[in-house]
Amino acid sequence: METIDKKTLSERDICTKYITPAIVQAGWNLFNQIQEEVTFTKGRVMVKGRLWSRGESKRVDFLLSHKPNIPVAVIEARSLPRIITLTAAAKFHGITSLSP
């Protein structure tokens, strides 16, 4: 079997080959609980007098939901060596692993 130099992989390759299988192996349902490459927020609301506008929307690599429309964790993939980062919200709620 050919060895892969992980440092040459793109962020999307890392998601497909390593992160998605790890999430599924941890017990998350690929079709009901995992969303990939989704917009997570509409952006910050900025008000100046009577005018307002929205800032840049935020996109995430993975959004894990316990039930529909109840997200519990955001996973942002990075190229090696920083692969998975759990959000502060997930840590606040005591989520320290990928188990559903």
N, C-alpha and C. Protein backbone atom coordinates (compact mmCIF):
# COMPACT_ATOMS: atom_id res chain seq x y z
N MET A 1 0.84 -1.18 0.00
CA MET A 1 0.00 0.00 0.00
C MET A 1 0.88 1.24 0.00
N GLU A 2 0.51 2.21 -0.79
CA GLU A 2 1.30 3.43 -0.93
C GLU A 2 1.07 4.36 0.25
N THR A 3 2.16 4.91 0.78
CA THR A 3 2.03 5.87 1.88
C THR A 3 1.74 7.25 1.32
N ILE A 4 0.92 8.00 2.06
CA ILE A 4 0.52 9.33 1.62
C ILE A 4 1.21 10.37 2.48
N ASP A 5 1.81 11.36 1.84
CA ASP A 5 2.39 12.48 2.58
C ASP A 5 1.25 13.42 2.93
N LYS A 6 0.82 13.39 4.19
CA LYS A 6 -0.35 14.15 4.61
C LYS A 6 -0.15 15.65 4.51
N LYS A 7 1.08 16.11 4.49
CA LYS A 7 1.35 17.54 4.40
C LYS A 7 1.00 18.11 3.03
N THR A 8 0.85 17.24 2.04
CA THR A 8 0.52 17.71 0.69
C THR A 8 -0.98 17.70 0.43
N LEU A 9 -1.77 17.18 1.36
CA LEU A 9 -3.21 17.10 1.17
C LEU A 9 -3.86 18.46 1.40
N SER A 10 -4.91 18.73 0.64
CA SER A 10 -5.68 19.96 0.83
C SER A 10 -6.63 19.80 2.02
N GLU A 11 -7.24 20.89 2.44
CA GLU A 11 -8.20 20.84 3.54
C GLU A 11 -9.37 19.92 3.20
N ARG A 12 -9.86 19.98 1.98
CA ARG A 12 -10.99 19.14 1.56
C ARG A 12 -10.60 17.67 1.56
N ASP A 13 -9.36 17.36 1.13
CA ASP A 13 -8.88 15.97 1.15
C ASP A 13 -8.84 15.43 2.58
N ILE A 14 -8.38 16.26 3.51
CA ILE A 14 -8.32 15.84 4.91
C ILE A 14 -9.72 15.58 5.44
N CYS A 15 -10.68 16.44 5.07
CA CYS A 15 -12.07 16.24 5.50
C CYS A 15 -12.61 14.91 5.00
N THR A 16 -12.40 14.65 3.71
CA THR A 16 -12.96 13.45 3.08
C THR A 16 -12.30 12.17 3.57
N LYS A 17 -10.98 12.18 3.71
CA LYS A 17 -10.26 10.95 4.02
C LYS A 17 -10.11 10.65 5.50
N TYR A 18 -10.14 11.70 6.35
CA TYR A 18 -9.87 11.47 7.76
C TYR A 18 -11.00 11.91 8.69
N ILE A 19 -11.51 13.14 8.53
CA ILE A 19 -12.46 13.67 9.50
C ILE A 19 -13.83 13.01 9.36
N THR A 20 -14.37 12.93 8.14
CA THR A 20 -15.69 12.32 7.95
C THR A 20 -15.73 10.88 8.45
N PRO A 21 -14.76 10.02 8.10
CA PRO A 21 -14.79 8.65 8.63
C PRO A 21 -14.69 8.61 10.16
N ALA A 22 -13.92 9.52 10.77
CA ALA A 22 -13.79 9.54 12.22
C ALA A 22 -15.11 9.93 12.88
N ILE A 23 -15.82 10.89 12.29
CA ILE A 23 -17.11 11.31 12.84
C ILE A 23 -18.13 10.18 12.74
N VAL A 24 -18.17 9.51 11.60
CA VAL A 24 -19.10 8.39 11.40
C VAL A 24 -18.75 7.24 12.33
N GLN A 25 -17.47 6.95 12.50
CA GLN A 25 -17.03 5.87 13.38
C GLN A 25 -17.39 6.18 14.84
N ALA A 26 -17.44 7.47 15.18
CA ALA A 26 -17.80 7.86 16.55
C ALA A 26 -19.29 7.72 16.82
N GLY A 27 -20.09 7.41 15.78
CA GLY A 27 -21.50 7.14 15.98
C GLY A 27 -22.45 8.19 15.44
N TRP A 28 -21.95 9.21 14.76
CA TRP A 28 -22.82 10.24 14.18
C TRP A 28 -23.41 9.72 12.88
N ASN A 29 -24.67 10.04 12.62
CA ASN A 29 -25.36 9.62 11.41
C ASN A 29 -25.01 10.58 10.28
N LEU A 30 -24.44 10.06 9.21
CA LEU A 30 -23.97 10.86 8.10
C LEU A 30 -25.10 11.63 7.42
N PHE A 31 -26.31 11.07 7.41
CA PHE A 31 -27.41 11.69 6.67
C PHE A 31 -28.28 12.61 7.52
N ASN A 32 -28.35 12.37 8.83
CA ASN A 32 -29.24 13.16 9.68
C ASN A 32 -28.54 14.13 10.60
N GLN A 33 -27.31 13.85 10.99
CA GLN A 33 -26.65 14.64 12.03
C GLN A 33 -25.44 15.43 11.55
N ILE A 34 -24.95 15.18 10.37
CA ILE A 34 -23.74 15.84 9.89
C ILE A 34 -24.07 16.68 8.66
N GLN A 35 -23.68 17.95 8.71
CA GLN A 35 -23.79 18.82 7.54
C GLN A 35 -22.39 19.30 7.20
N GLU A 36 -22.05 19.29 5.93
CA GLU A 36 -20.72 19.72 5.50
C GLU A 36 -20.80 21.02 4.71
N GLU A 37 -19.80 21.89 4.95
CA GLU A 37 -19.66 23.15 4.23
C GLU A 37 -20.96 23.95 4.21
N VAL A 38 -21.41 24.36 5.37
CA VAL A 38 -22.66 25.10 5.50
C VAL A 38 -22.40 26.50 6.06
N THR A 39 -23.32 27.42 5.77
CA THR A 39 -23.26 28.75 6.36
C THR A 39 -23.86 28.66 7.75
N PHE A 40 -23.09 29.08 8.75
CA PHE A 40 -23.49 28.93 10.14
C PHE A 40 -24.17 30.18 10.69
N THR A 41 -23.74 31.35 10.26
CA THR A 41 -24.37 32.60 10.69
C THR A 41 -24.59 33.49 9.48
N LYS A 42 -25.50 34.44 9.61
CA LYS A 42 -25.75 35.38 8.53
C LYS A 42 -24.80 36.56 8.58
N GLY A 43 -24.02 36.68 9.62
CA GLY A 43 -23.07 37.78 9.75
C GLY A 43 -23.49 38.77 10.81
N ARG A 44 -22.52 39.48 11.33
CA ARG A 44 -22.75 40.45 12.39
C ARG A 44 -23.59 41.62 11.86
N VAL A 45 -24.53 42.09 12.68
CA VAL A 45 -25.34 43.25 12.32
C VAL A 45 -24.60 44.49 12.80
N MET A 46 -24.35 45.41 11.86
CA MET A 46 -23.65 46.65 12.18
C MET A 46 -24.61 47.81 11.97
N VAL A 47 -24.81 48.60 13.02
CA VAL A 47 -25.77 49.71 12.98
C VAL A 47 -24.99 51.03 13.06
N LYS A 48 -25.36 51.96 12.17
CA LYS A 48 -24.77 53.30 12.18
C LYS A 48 -25.91 54.27 11.95
N GLY A 49 -26.38 54.89 13.04
CA GLY A 49 -27.54 55.77 12.94
C GLY A 49 -28.78 54.94 12.65
N ARG A 50 -29.44 55.30 11.55
CA ARG A 50 -30.63 54.53 11.15
C ARG A 50 -30.31 53.47 10.09
N LEU A 51 -29.08 53.41 9.68
CA LEU A 51 -28.67 52.43 8.67
C LEU A 51 -28.07 51.21 9.35
N TRP A 52 -28.26 50.07 8.73
CA TRP A 52 -27.66 48.85 9.23
C TRP A 52 -27.20 48.01 8.05
N SER A 53 -26.26 47.16 8.31
CA SER A 53 -25.79 46.22 7.29
C SER A 53 -25.29 44.97 8.01
N ARG A 54 -25.09 43.95 7.24
CA ARG A 54 -24.58 42.68 7.79
C ARG A 54 -23.13 42.51 7.39
N GLY A 55 -22.37 41.95 8.32
CA GLY A 55 -20.98 41.61 8.03
C GLY A 55 -20.92 40.31 7.23
N GLU A 56 -19.73 39.82 7.13
CA GLU A 56 -19.50 38.59 6.36
C GLU A 56 -20.11 37.38 7.07
N SER A 57 -20.80 36.53 6.33
CA SER A 57 -21.37 35.32 6.92
C SER A 57 -20.25 34.32 7.20
N LYS A 58 -20.48 33.46 8.16
CA LYS A 58 -19.49 32.46 8.58
C LYS A 58 -19.86 31.10 8.03
N ARG A 59 -18.88 30.42 7.45
CA ARG A 59 -19.08 29.07 6.94
C ARG A 59 -18.21 28.12 7.76
N VAL A 60 -18.71 26.91 7.95
CA VAL A 60 -17.97 25.89 8.70
C VAL A 60 -17.83 24.64 7.84
N ASP A 61 -16.82 23.85 8.17
CA ASP A 61 -16.60 22.60 7.43
C ASP A 61 -17.61 21.53 7.83
N PHE A 62 -17.86 21.39 9.13
CA PHE A 62 -18.81 20.40 9.62
C PHE A 62 -19.67 21.02 10.70
N LEU A 63 -20.96 20.74 10.65
CA LEU A 63 -21.89 21.15 11.69
C LEU A 63 -22.59 19.89 12.18
N LEU A 64 -22.38 19.54 13.45
CA LEU A 64 -22.97 18.34 14.02
C LEU A 64 -24.21 18.72 14.80
N SER A 65 -25.33 18.06 14.51
CA SER A 65 -26.60 18.36 15.17
C SER A 65 -27.11 17.14 15.90
N HIS A 66 -27.53 17.34 17.16
CA HIS A 66 -28.11 16.24 17.92
C HIS A 66 -29.47 15.87 17.36
N LYS A 67 -30.31 16.89 17.11
CA LYS A 67 -31.60 16.75 16.46
C LYS A 67 -31.64 17.79 15.36
N PRO A 68 -32.58 17.69 14.41
CA PRO A 68 -32.66 18.70 13.36
C PRO A 68 -32.77 20.11 13.93
N ASN A 69 -31.98 21.02 13.40
CA ASN A 69 -31.94 22.44 13.79
C ASN A 69 -31.47 22.67 15.22
N ILE A 70 -30.78 21.69 15.81
CA ILE A 70 -30.18 21.87 17.13
C ILE A 70 -28.69 21.52 17.02
N PRO A 71 -27.88 22.47 16.52
CA PRO A 71 -26.45 22.18 16.38
C PRO A 71 -25.77 22.12 17.74
N VAL A 72 -24.85 21.18 17.90
CA VAL A 72 -24.14 21.04 19.16
C VAL A 72 -22.63 21.22 19.00
N ALA A 73 -22.11 21.10 17.79
CA ALA A 73 -20.67 21.26 17.60
C ALA A 73 -20.36 21.72 16.18
N VAL A 74 -19.31 22.51 16.11
CA VAL A 74 -18.79 22.97 14.83
C VAL A 74 -17.38 22.43 14.71
N ILE A 75 -17.06 21.82 13.58
CA ILE A 75 -15.71 21.32 13.34
C ILE A 75 -15.15 22.09 12.16
N GLU A 76 -14.04 22.72 12.39
CA GLU A 76 -13.35 23.47 11.35
C GLU A 76 -12.07 22.72 11.02
N ALA A 77 -11.94 22.28 9.81
CA ALA A 77 -10.76 21.50 9.40
C ALA A 77 -9.64 22.45 9.02
N ARG A 78 -8.45 22.02 9.29
CA ARG A 78 -7.25 22.75 8.91
C ARG A 78 -6.29 21.76 8.27
N SER A 79 -5.39 22.28 7.49
CA SER A 79 -4.36 21.40 6.98
C SER A 79 -3.44 21.04 8.15
N LEU A 80 -2.74 19.93 8.03
CA LEU A 80 -1.90 19.45 9.13
C LEU A 80 -0.92 20.53 9.56
N PRO A 81 -0.54 20.62 10.82
CA PRO A 81 -0.81 19.70 11.91
C PRO A 81 -2.08 20.02 12.70
N ARG A 82 -2.80 21.08 12.36
CA ARG A 82 -4.01 21.45 13.11
C ARG A 82 -5.21 20.85 12.39
N ILE A 83 -5.68 19.67 12.79
CA ILE A 83 -6.74 19.01 12.03
C ILE A 83 -8.13 19.38 12.51
N ILE A 84 -8.46 19.17 13.76
CA ILE A 84 -9.83 19.40 14.22
C ILE A 84 -9.83 20.38 15.39
N THR A 85 -10.75 21.32 15.35
CA THR A 85 -10.92 22.26 16.44
C THR A 85 -12.38 22.28 16.85
N LEU A 86 -12.67 21.99 18.11
CA LEU A 86 -14.04 22.11 18.59
C LEU A 86 -14.27 23.55 19.01
N THR A 87 -15.46 24.05 18.80
CA THR A 87 -15.75 25.43 19.16
C THR A 87 -15.82 25.60 20.66
N ALA A 88 -15.73 26.83 21.09
CA ALA A 88 -15.83 27.14 22.51
C ALA A 88 -17.21 26.77 23.04
N ALA A 89 -18.23 26.90 22.19
CA ALA A 89 -19.59 26.53 22.62
C ALA A 89 -19.67 25.05 22.92
N ALA A 90 -19.06 24.22 22.10
CA ALA A 90 -19.09 22.78 22.34
C ALA A 90 -18.35 22.46 23.63
N LYS A 91 -17.21 23.10 23.86
CA LYS A 91 -16.47 22.86 25.09
C LYS A 91 -17.26 23.34 26.30
N PHE A 92 -17.96 24.46 26.15
CA PHE A 92 -18.77 25.01 27.23
C PHE A 92 -19.86 24.01 27.64
N HIS A 93 -20.42 23.32 26.67
CA HIS A 93 -21.49 22.36 26.96
C HIS A 93 -20.94 20.98 27.34
N GLY A 94 -19.65 20.90 27.53
CA GLY A 94 -19.05 19.65 28.01
C GLY A 94 -18.78 18.64 26.93
N ILE A 95 -18.82 19.04 25.66
CA ILE A 95 -18.56 18.10 24.56
C ILE A 95 -17.06 18.06 24.35
N THR A 96 -16.46 16.96 24.71
CA THR A 96 -15.01 16.82 24.57
C THR A 96 -14.63 15.75 23.57
N SER A 97 -15.62 15.05 23.04
CA SER A 97 -15.36 14.03 22.04
C SER A 97 -16.40 14.13 20.94
N LEU A 98 -16.25 13.31 19.93
CA LEU A 98 -17.17 13.35 18.80
C LEU A 98 -18.35 12.40 18.96
N SER A 99 -18.51 11.78 20.12
CA SER A 99 -19.62 10.85 20.32
C SER A 99 -20.94 11.60 20.37
N PRO A 100 -22.00 11.09 19.70
CA PRO A 100 -23.28 11.79 19.70
C PRO A 100 -23.98 11.74 21.05
